[in-house]
Amino acid sequence: MTEKRFVLLVLVLICLGIYLFVSAPPPLQDEQAEGPAIPVEQLFAVVEAENDAVRALWTRDIVGSGTKAGLKFDEHWRDADLEAGPLPALFLRETARSLERNPVRLSLFLGSEFPINDANRFEGLQLDRFRILRQTGEAQFFFMPDTGLHVGMFSDVAIAEPCVTCHNQHEQTPKTDWRLNDVMGATTWLYPAERVSLEEFLVAVTALHQAFEDAYRDYIRKVGTFAEPPVIGERWPAEGFYLPTPEVFMAEVRRRTAPATLSALSLMVSKPPVEARESGDAPRP
């Protein structure tokens, strides 16, 4: 590694470390922000890994343990007369809504061939790619000419029995024989550029963390309306009728996601820069 790239690597890791453990990263200098050009597929892989970790945290440590402790979770959790929180897929939806409000150009949705909500049904090229993903288990990266967006599609697997039960028993479900570990759909990321700068990469990951926090804070605000709310502090539902504060929740998110994200970014900046393809070249499939 050249001295210049070593210095760049150190600067990037410092910036990402600040973001992961304190707040948003400081702006990079122009020469740092411009290189290397990171393929958007690598951004998709990082945010998907982060999302997987948070989905698992929400599903097992909040919904799973919380249900045993006496908390409730429901698709209509926002109804004023219902004392409940969002199911795992709805926590992802709340995360996606926060991203939509953020000026960052990264967006997210959960699609399926057999969705409960028809608005989440894959069609056309997305459906073709989803079927390949379901058969091979391999993430799909492609370009949508009609929208001008690059797409990263990753398996959404039924990792907990409540996911299966909820979908099989839902009154609007088009499929009633889901089983544990089935690929029920695909977490789908969208971005308008084929490559991102280091600064754009950091900003996108920061926006995703903010979206996780926004989704959790919405839940805590709802919990505050319960007639008998759980104790909110440093303890988790596995210990009883408790919920962590947003700060404690996000500290755990950072603990779980930081090693993989730091490792991925260090590999990106330590490799020789990739020459951008000519503008007329076809995007990578």
Foldseek 3Di string as FASTA:
>chain_A
DDPVLVVLLVVLLVQLVCCLPPRAGDDDDPVSQPDDWAFVLLLVVQLVVLLVVLLVCCQCFPAVLQVVQPAAEDCVCVPLPDRHAHHSQVLVVLLQVLLVVDPQQKGKHWAACWDLDPVRHDDDPRVVQFVVCQVPVDWDWAADVVVLKTKIKHFDFQQDPVVLVCLLPDPRTPDNDDDHGHRGTIIMMIGNDRTGTSSSSSVVSSSSLVSSLSSVVVSVVSLVSDPDHFDEDQDTSNVHRYHYDSVNSSNVSSVVSVVVSSVSVSVRSVDPRDDDDDPPDHRDD
